[in-house]
Amino acid sequence: MKKGKIYPVGFRRKRIGKTHYGKRLKILVSDKPRLVIRKSLKNMQANIVAYDSNGDKVLSSANSRELEKFGWKLDKVNLPSAYLVGFLLGKRAKKNGIKNAVLDLGLNRPVKGGRFYAALSGALDAGLDIPHNPKILPSKERTAGDHIVKYALKLKNNENAFKNQFNNYISNDIDPEKII
């Protein structure tokens, strides 16, 4: 516990773990729109956001729940759906005249080949120019869902484990071995 009369209290968003102001300042100095990718337990969201003195403005947005409109019946937070969210966002951003952006993961940990970089890969394939290292992007097989099919084939021998893992697929009449 701090002793003394004067104790400087940090910014609220830093205290509660929502904003890293050093990283935010570096991104904002570039004066480019940001590709902001966020995930929850059931959904994934990607936005193109521009800085404004009155508050950030969302220029384009895509959410994994919107994939249902296009016939997507699989999970909303796996790697293929993250790729599709990025691709959908990239197409909408190009339609709105946005050509480039800077990746902003916030306080999320960057994992090579993970969902955040799958969304980045989708945005790149849609035609956005975003600086990145090509080594961090997932392979085309993973963005297509090949790893899910391999895991389903591996679990096929254990019926109980297969039903527990792929319950959403089975309830939607989707064979996880044939999703590619």
C-alpha atoms as a PDB file:
ATOM      1  CA  MET A   1       0.000   0.000   0.000  1.00  0.00           C
ATOM      2  CA  LYS A   2       1.300   3.461  -0.855  1.00  0.00           C
ATOM      3  CA  LYS A   3       2.100   5.843   1.970  1.00  0.00           C
ATOM      4  CA  GLY A   4       2.085   9.587   1.769  1.00  0.00           C
ATOM      5  CA  LYS A   5      -0.278  12.347   0.878  1.00  0.00           C
ATOM      6  CA  ILE A   6       0.263  12.394  -2.864  1.00  0.00           C
ATOM      7  CA  TYR A   7      -0.402   9.254  -4.867  1.00  0.00           C
ATOM      8  CA  PRO A   8      -0.930   9.649  -8.626  1.00  0.00           C
ATOM      9  CA  VAL A   9      -3.765   7.492  -9.876  1.00  0.00           C
ATOM     10  CA  GLY A  10      -3.317   6.066 -13.380  1.00  0.00           C
ATOM     11  CA  PHE A  11      -5.772   6.415 -16.224  1.00  0.00           C
ATOM     12  CA  ARG A  12      -8.946   4.419 -15.673  1.00  0.00           C
ATOM     13  CA  ARG A  13      -8.750   2.387 -18.899  1.00  0.00           C
ATOM     14  CA  LYS A  14      -5.143   1.468 -18.100  1.00  0.00           C
ATOM     15  CA  ARG A  15      -6.025   0.483 -14.518  1.00  0.00           C
ATOM     16  CA  ILE A  16      -8.794  -1.877 -15.607  1.00  0.00           C
ATOM     17  CA  GLY A  17      -6.644  -3.353 -18.384  1.00  0.00           C
ATOM     18  CA  LYS A  18      -8.461  -2.079 -21.473  1.00  0.00           C
ATOM     19  CA  THR A  19      -5.944   0.282 -23.092  1.00  0.00           C
ATOM     20  CA  HIS A  20      -2.184   0.291 -23.555  1.00  0.00           C
ATOM     21  CA  TYR A  21      -1.650   3.994 -24.165  1.00  0.00           C
ATOM     22  CA  GLY A  22       1.931   3.625 -25.425  1.00  0.00           C
ATOM     23  CA  LYS A  23       0.881   1.261 -28.225  1.00  0.00           C
ATOM     24  CA  ARG A  24      -2.228   3.319 -28.963  1.00  0.00           C
ATOM     25  CA  LEU A  25      -0.170   6.490 -29.389  1.00  0.00           C
ATOM     26  CA  LYS A  26       2.254   4.768 -31.787  1.00  0.00           C
ATOM     27  CA  ILE A  27      -0.640   3.518 -33.905  1.00  0.00           C
ATOM     28  CA  LEU A  28      -2.413   6.885 -33.916  1.00  0.00           C
ATOM     29  CA  VAL A  29       0.750   8.747 -34.973  1.00  0.00           C
ATOM     30  CA  SER A  30       0.705   6.784 -38.252  1.00  0.00           C
ATOM     31  CA  ASP A  31      -2.499   8.687 -39.167  1.00  0.00           C
ATOM     32  CA  LYS A  32      -3.923   5.598 -40.909  1.00  0.00           C
ATOM     33  CA  PRO A  33      -7.177   3.844 -40.086  1.00  0.00           C
ATOM     34  CA  ARG A  34      -6.846   0.897 -37.700  1.00  0.00           C
ATOM     35  CA  LEU A  35      -7.987  -2.668 -38.310  1.00  0.00           C
ATOM     36  CA  VAL A  36      -9.359  -3.496 -34.857  1.00  0.00           C
ATOM     37  CA  ILE A  37     -10.044  -7.195 -34.235  1.00  0.00           C
ATOM     38  CA  ARG A  38     -11.774  -8.374 -31.070  1.00  0.00           C
ATOM     39  CA  LYS A  39     -13.110 -11.760 -29.989  1.00  0.00           C
ATOM     40  CA  SER A  40     -15.544 -13.033 -27.410  1.00  0.00           C
ATOM     41  CA  LEU A  41     -16.461 -16.581 -26.470  1.00  0.00           C
ATOM     42  CA  LYS A  42     -19.118 -16.886 -29.190  1.00  0.00           C
ATOM     43  CA  ASN A  43     -18.350 -14.193 -31.778  1.00  0.00           C
ATOM     44  CA  MET A  44     -15.585 -12.354 -33.563  1.00  0.00           C
ATOM     45  CA  GLN A  45     -15.701  -8.722 -34.650  1.00  0.00           C
ATOM     46  CA  ALA A  46     -13.490  -6.656 -36.932  1.00  0.00           C
ATOM     47  CA  ASN A  47     -13.706  -2.914 -37.532  1.00  0.00           C
ATOM     48  CA  ILE A  48     -11.878  -0.276 -39.513  1.00  0.00           C
ATOM     49  CA  VAL A  49     -11.607   2.644 -37.099  1.00  0.00           C
ATOM     50  CA  ALA A  50     -10.299   6.171 -37.675  1.00  0.00           C
ATOM     51  CA  TYR A  51      -9.198   8.554 -34.940  1.00  0.00           C
ATOM     52  CA  ASP A  52     -11.290  11.651 -34.301  1.00  0.00           C
ATOM     53  CA  SER A  53     -10.802  14.197 -31.534  1.00  0.00           C
ATOM     54  CA  ASN A  54     -14.382  13.613 -30.364  1.00  0.00           C
ATOM     55  CA  GLY A  55     -13.896   9.836 -30.296  1.00  0.00           C
ATOM     56  CA  ASP A  56     -12.934   7.080 -32.701  1.00  0.00           C
ATOM     57  CA  LYS A  57     -15.184   6.649 -35.746  1.00  0.00           C
ATOM     58  CA  VAL A  58     -16.024   3.222 -37.162  1.00  0.00           C
ATOM     59  CA  LEU A  59     -15.655   3.365 -40.948  1.00  0.00           C
ATOM     60  CA  SER A  60     -16.473  -0.258 -41.707  1.00  0.00           C
ATOM     61  CA  SER A  61     -17.473  -3.252 -39.614  1.00  0.00           C
ATOM     62  CA  ALA A  62     -18.057  -7.016 -39.810  1.00  0.00           C
ATOM     63  CA  ASN A  63     -19.209  -9.531 -37.226  1.00  0.00           C
ATOM     64  CA  SER A  64     -19.215 -13.326 -37.268  1.00  0.00           C
ATOM     65  CA  ARG A  65     -22.989 -13.340 -36.654  1.00  0.00           C
ATOM     66  CA  GLU A  66     -23.406 -11.790 -40.111  1.00  0.00           C
ATOM     67  CA  LEU A  67     -21.957 -14.943 -41.693  1.00  0.00           C
ATOM     68  CA  GLU A  68     -25.312 -16.674 -41.172  1.00  0.00           C
ATOM     69  CA  LYS A  69     -26.789 -14.392 -43.855  1.00  0.00           C
ATOM     70  CA  PHE A  70     -24.338 -15.942 -46.314  1.00  0.00           C
ATOM     71  CA  GLY A  71     -25.215 -19.525 -45.338  1.00  0.00           C
ATOM     72  CA  TRP A  72     -22.425 -20.155 -42.800  1.00  0.00           C
ATOM     73  CA  LYS A  73     -23.673 -22.780 -40.329  1.00  0.00           C
ATOM     74  CA  LEU A  74     -20.398 -23.618 -38.597  1.00  0.00           C
ATOM     75  CA  ASP A  75     -18.976 -22.096 -35.415  1.00  0.00           C
ATOM     76  CA  LYS A  76     -18.527 -18.336 -35.283  1.00  0.00           C
ATOM     77  CA  VAL A  77     -15.123 -18.243 -33.550  1.00  0.00           C
ATOM     78  CA  ASN A  78     -13.033 -20.850 -35.332  1.00  0.00           C
ATOM     79  CA  LEU A  79     -10.232 -20.072 -37.775  1.00  0.00           C
ATOM     80  CA  PRO A  80     -12.277 -20.320 -41.009  1.00  0.00           C
ATOM     81  CA  SER A  81     -14.966 -17.996 -39.644  1.00  0.00           C
ATOM     82  CA  ALA A  82     -12.305 -15.501 -38.510  1.00  0.00           C
ATOM     83  CA  TYR A  83     -10.905 -15.541 -42.051  1.00  0.00           C
ATOM     84  CA  LEU A  84     -14.380 -14.906 -43.486  1.00  0.00           C
ATOM     85  CA  VAL A  85     -14.999 -12.020 -41.063  1.00  0.00           C
ATOM     86  CA  GLY A  86     -11.743 -10.418 -42.206  1.00  0.00           C
ATOM     87  CA  PHE A  87     -12.628 -11.010 -45.852  1.00  0.00           C
ATOM     88  CA  LEU A  88     -16.117  -9.521 -45.398  1.00  0.00           C
ATOM     89  CA  LEU A  89     -14.645  -6.494 -43.634  1.00  0.00           C
ATOM     90  CA  GLY A  90     -12.052  -6.055 -46.372  1.00  0.00           C
ATOM     91  CA  LYS A  91     -14.703  -6.091 -49.105  1.00  0.00           C
ATOM     92  CA  ARG A  92     -16.842  -3.559 -47.233  1.00  0.00           C
ATOM     93  CA  ALA A  93     -13.827  -1.345 -46.575  1.00  0.00           C
ATOM     94  CA  LYS A  94     -12.817  -1.394 -50.258  1.00  0.00           C
ATOM     95  CA  LYS A  95     -16.393  -0.475 -51.162  1.00  0.00           C
ATOM     96  CA  ASN A  96     -16.145   2.505 -48.769  1.00  0.00           C
ATOM     97  CA  GLY A  97     -12.872   3.645 -50.355  1.00  0.00           C
ATOM     98  CA  ILE A  98     -10.476   2.440 -47.646  1.00  0.00           C
ATOM     99  CA  LYS A  99      -7.284   1.030 -49.125  1.00  0.00           C
ATOM    100  CA  ASN A 100      -4.901   0.604 -46.197  1.00  0.00           C
ATOM    101  CA  ALA A 101      -4.915   0.213 -42.424  1.00  0.00           C
ATOM    102  CA  VAL A 102      -2.732  -0.676 -39.448  1.00  0.00           C
ATOM    103  CA  LEU A 103      -3.418  -3.784 -37.358  1.00  0.00           C
ATOM    104  CA  ASP A 104      -4.578  -3.105 -33.780  1.00  0.00           C
ATOM    105  CA  LEU A 105      -4.934  -6.174 -31.551  1.00  0.00           C
ATOM    106  CA  GLY A 106      -5.341  -4.166 -28.363  1.00  0.00           C
ATOM    107  CA  LEU A 107      -4.272  -6.106 -25.277  1.00  0.00           C
ATOM    108  CA  ASN A 108      -4.781  -9.503 -26.916  1.00  0.00           C
ATOM    109  CA  ARG A 109      -1.755 -11.739 -27.125  1.00  0.00           C
ATOM    110  CA  PRO A 110      -0.547 -12.229 -30.707  1.00  0.00           C
ATOM    111  CA  VAL A 111      -0.378 -15.954 -31.517  1.00  0.00           C
ATOM    112  CA  LYS A 112       1.246 -17.003 -34.786  1.00  0.00           C
ATOM    113  CA  GLY A 113      -1.397 -18.490 -37.099  1.00  0.00           C
ATOM    114  CA  GLY A 114      -4.239 -17.713 -34.672  1.00  0.00           C
ATOM    115  CA  ARG A 115      -7.704 -16.261 -35.174  1.00  0.00           C
ATOM    116  CA  PHE A 116      -6.568 -12.637 -35.186  1.00  0.00           C
ATOM    117  CA  TYR A 117      -4.117 -13.320 -37.971  1.00  0.00           C
ATOM    118  CA  ALA A 118      -6.723 -15.376 -39.840  1.00  0.00           C
ATOM    119  CA  ALA A 119      -8.929 -12.263 -39.879  1.00  0.00           C
ATOM    120  CA  LEU A 120      -5.910 -10.256 -41.048  1.00  0.00           C
ATOM    121  CA  SER A 121      -5.351 -12.812 -43.821  1.00  0.00           C
ATOM    122  CA  GLY A 122      -8.973 -12.426 -44.936  1.00  0.00           C
ATOM    123  CA  ALA A 123      -8.652  -8.641 -45.037  1.00  0.00           C
ATOM    124  CA  LEU A 124      -5.446  -8.953 -47.063  1.00  0.00           C
ATOM    125  CA  ASP A 125      -7.100 -11.348 -49.532  1.00  0.00           C
ATOM    126  CA  ALA A 126      -9.966  -8.867 -49.914  1.00  0.00           C
ATOM    127  CA  GLY A 127      -7.471  -6.276 -51.144  1.00  0.00           C
ATOM    128  CA  LEU A 128      -6.551  -4.151 -48.127  1.00  0.00           C
ATOM    129  CA  ASP A 129      -2.930  -3.064 -47.725  1.00  0.00           C
ATOM    130  CA  ILE A 130      -1.902  -3.788 -44.122  1.00  0.00           C
ATOM    131  CA  PRO A 131       1.749  -3.987 -43.038  1.00  0.00           C
ATOM    132  CA  HIS A 132       2.518  -7.447 -41.612  1.00  0.00           C
ATOM    133  CA  ASN A 133       5.045 -10.265 -41.498  1.00  0.00           C
ATOM    134  CA  PRO A 134       3.918 -13.114 -43.795  1.00  0.00           C
ATOM    135  CA  LYS A 135       5.249 -15.702 -41.316  1.00  0.00           C
ATOM    136  CA  ILE A 136       2.481 -14.924 -38.806  1.00  0.00           C
ATOM    137  CA  LEU A 137      -0.424 -15.726 -41.142  1.00  0.00           C
ATOM    138  CA  PRO A 138      -2.112 -19.140 -40.946  1.00  0.00           C
ATOM    139  CA  SER A 139      -1.776 -21.488 -43.897  1.00  0.00           C
ATOM    140  CA  LYS A 140      -4.493 -21.717 -46.546  1.00  0.00           C
ATOM    141  CA  GLU A 141      -5.309 -25.243 -45.345  1.00  0.00           C
ATOM    142  CA  ARG A 142      -6.063 -23.965 -41.829  1.00  0.00           C
ATOM    143  CA  THR A 143      -8.188 -21.054 -43.070  1.00  0.00           C
ATOM    144  CA  ALA A 144     -10.162 -23.569 -45.152  1.00  0.00           C
ATOM    145  CA  GLY A 145     -10.755 -25.776 -42.081  1.00  0.00           C
ATOM    146  CA  ASP A 146      -8.546 -28.732 -42.982  1.00  0.00           C
ATOM    147  CA  HIS A 147      -7.346 -29.050 -39.368  1.00  0.00           C
ATOM    148  CA  ILE A 148     -10.966 -29.414 -38.187  1.00  0.00           C
ATOM    149  CA  VAL A 149     -11.550 -32.272 -40.628  1.00  0.00           C
ATOM    150  CA  LYS A 150      -8.361 -34.033 -39.501  1.00  0.00           C
ATOM    151  CA  TYR A 151      -9.369 -33.703 -35.855  1.00  0.00           C
ATOM    152  CA  ALA A 152     -12.859 -35.053 -36.622  1.00  0.00           C
ATOM    153  CA  LEU A 153     -11.334 -38.079 -38.350  1.00  0.00           C
ATOM    154  CA  LYS A 154      -9.052 -38.611 -35.360  1.00  0.00           C
ATOM    155  CA  LEU A 155     -11.983 -38.513 -32.906  1.00  0.00           C
ATOM    156  CA  LYS A 156     -14.230 -40.715 -35.068  1.00  0.00           C
ATOM    157  CA  ASN A 157     -13.086 -43.837 -33.179  1.00  0.00           C
ATOM    158  CA  ASN A 158     -14.284 -42.454 -29.827  1.00  0.00           C
ATOM    159  CA  GLU A 159     -18.008 -41.838 -30.340  1.00  0.00           C
ATOM    160  CA  ASN A 160     -18.548 -40.032 -27.018  1.00  0.00           C
ATOM    161  CA  ALA A 161     -15.647 -37.601 -27.509  1.00  0.00           C
ATOM    162  CA  PHE A 162     -16.749 -36.989 -31.113  1.00  0.00           C
ATOM    163  CA  LYS A 163     -20.290 -36.066 -30.028  1.00  0.00           C
ATOM    164  CA  ASN A 164     -19.015 -33.793 -27.243  1.00  0.00           C
ATOM    165  CA  GLN A 165     -16.602 -31.927 -29.511  1.00  0.00           C
ATOM    166  CA  PHE A 166     -18.805 -31.577 -32.591  1.00  0.00           C
ATOM    167  CA  ASN A 167     -22.249 -31.233 -30.996  1.00  0.00           C
ATOM    168  CA  ASN A 168     -23.008 -27.933 -32.803  1.00  0.00           C
ATOM    169  CA  TYR A 169     -22.103 -29.457 -36.162  1.00  0.00           C
ATOM    170  CA  ILE A 170     -24.259 -32.532 -35.542  1.00  0.00           C
ATOM    171  CA  SER A 171     -27.253 -30.470 -34.350  1.00  0.00           C
ATOM    172  CA  ASN A 172     -27.050 -28.395 -37.569  1.00  0.00           C
ATOM    173  CA  ASP A 173     -26.896 -31.574 -39.717  1.00  0.00           C
ATOM    174  CA  ILE A 174     -23.303 -30.907 -40.765  1.00  0.00           C
ATOM    175  CA  ASP A 175     -20.763 -33.685 -41.089  1.00  0.00           C
ATOM    176  CA  PRO A 176     -17.498 -32.280 -39.636  1.00  0.00           C
ATOM    177  CA  GLU A 177     -15.529 -34.619 -41.890  1.00  0.00           C
ATOM    178  CA  LYS A 178     -16.929 -32.948 -45.023  1.00  0.00           C
ATOM    179  CA  ILE A 179     -16.770 -29.223 -44.258  1.00  0.00           C
ATOM    180  CA  ILE A 180     -14.117 -28.447 -46.853  1.00  0.00           C
END
